[in-house]
Amino acid sequence: MRFWGKIKIEDRITTDVTLEDKDFLNALSAICDRLDLSKPIICAKHHAEIKSFRRTVFYADDFVETVDFDTLEIEIIGKSKKKKI
């Protein structure tokens, strides 16, 4: 699967990265590494959103450390395949 991670400030994409991975958690970790971010707290809501909508949003409150952006959005892009994540 292809994942697109984007940092937004006031609904504008300031930084983004795309990568291939088979697993959401691995992709999230790699995206955070590439964007030089700490890992966010992952809730059941994030898993449900990525499965249902192929997209989830992490807010500044989802990070333990202070961040200088409004949201980190993770989206699965490309062909829609009916595989479990």
Protein backbone atom coordinates (compact mmCIF):
# COMPACT_ATOMS: atom_id res chain seq x y z
CA MET A 1 0.00 0.00 0.00
CA ARG A 2 1.08 3.55 -0.58
CA PHE A 3 0.78 5.95 2.37
CA TRP A 4 0.76 9.74 2.20
CA GLY A 5 1.66 11.65 5.35
CA LYS A 6 1.09 15.39 5.43
CA ILE A 7 1.64 18.06 8.03
CA LYS A 8 -0.92 20.84 7.97
CA ILE A 9 -1.02 24.29 9.50
CA GLU A 10 -4.31 26.17 9.12
CA ASP A 11 -5.49 23.66 6.46
CA ARG A 12 -2.37 24.15 4.31
CA ILE A 13 0.03 21.32 3.62
CA THR A 14 3.46 22.46 4.75
CA THR A 15 5.34 19.15 4.44
CA ASP A 16 4.46 15.77 3.01
CA VAL A 17 5.97 12.37 2.32
CA THR A 18 4.81 9.22 0.54
CA LEU A 19 6.03 5.69 1.03
CA GLU A 20 5.17 2.06 0.41
CA ASP A 21 4.46 -0.32 3.26
CA LYS A 22 2.18 -3.24 4.06
CA ASP A 23 1.27 -2.15 7.58
CA PHE A 24 -0.26 1.06 8.94
CA LEU A 25 1.85 1.11 12.11
CA ASN A 26 5.11 0.59 10.22
CA ALA A 27 4.13 3.29 7.73
CA LEU A 28 3.24 5.72 10.52
CA SER A 29 6.58 5.08 12.20
CA ALA A 30 8.49 5.61 8.93
CA ILE A 31 6.55 8.79 8.15
CA CYS A 32 7.30 10.19 11.61
CA ASP A 33 10.98 9.32 11.19
CA ARG A 34 11.16 11.04 7.80
CA LEU A 35 9.36 14.12 9.10
CA ASP A 36 11.49 14.15 12.28
CA LEU A 37 8.47 13.78 14.59
CA SER A 38 7.88 11.84 17.76
CA LYS A 39 5.37 9.00 17.42
CA PRO A 40 1.78 10.02 18.23
CA ILE A 41 -0.48 8.19 20.63
CA ILE A 42 -2.50 5.75 18.53
CA CYS A 43 -6.10 5.18 19.62
CA ALA A 44 -8.76 2.75 18.44
CA LYS A 45 -10.29 5.71 16.58
CA HIS A 46 -7.22 5.94 14.32
CA HIS A 47 -7.35 2.24 13.44
CA ALA A 48 -11.09 2.45 12.73
CA GLU A 49 -10.69 5.53 10.51
CA ILE A 50 -7.85 4.06 8.46
CA LYS A 51 -9.84 0.84 7.91
CA SER A 52 -13.12 2.56 7.07
CA PHE A 53 -12.02 5.73 5.29
CA ARG A 54 -8.38 5.01 4.30
CA ARG A 55 -7.46 8.22 6.16
CA THR A 56 -6.87 9.33 9.75
CA VAL A 57 -5.86 12.55 11.46
CA PHE A 58 -3.54 13.08 14.42
CA TYR A 59 -3.95 16.40 16.24
CA ALA A 60 -1.30 18.19 18.28
CA ASP A 61 -2.91 16.75 21.43
CA ASP A 62 -2.12 13.22 20.17
CA PHE A 63 1.60 13.88 20.61
CA VAL A 64 3.38 13.76 23.96
CA GLU A 65 5.92 16.34 22.84
CA THR A 66 4.93 19.83 21.72
CA VAL A 67 4.54 20.13 17.95
CA ASP A 68 4.41 23.23 15.75
CA PHE A 69 1.59 22.16 13.43
CA ASP A 70 -2.16 21.60 13.61
CA THR A 71 -2.52 18.08 12.17
CA LEU A 72 -0.65 15.10 10.81
CA GLU A 73 -2.84 13.32 8.29
CA ILE A 74 -2.13 9.81 7.08
CA GLU A 75 -3.92 8.60 3.96
CA ILE A 76 -3.77 5.42 1.91
CA ILE A 77 -3.53 6.44 -1.72
CA GLY A 78 -3.78 4.47 -4.92
CA LYS A 79 -6.02 1.60 -5.84
CA SER A 80 -8.59 0.50 -3.32
CA LYS A 81 -7.98 -3.13 -2.37
CA LYS A 82 -10.15 -5.03 0.03
CA LYS A 83 -7.40 -6.21 2.36
CA LYS A 84 -7.35 -6.01 6.11
CA ILE A 85 -4.84 -3.58 7.56
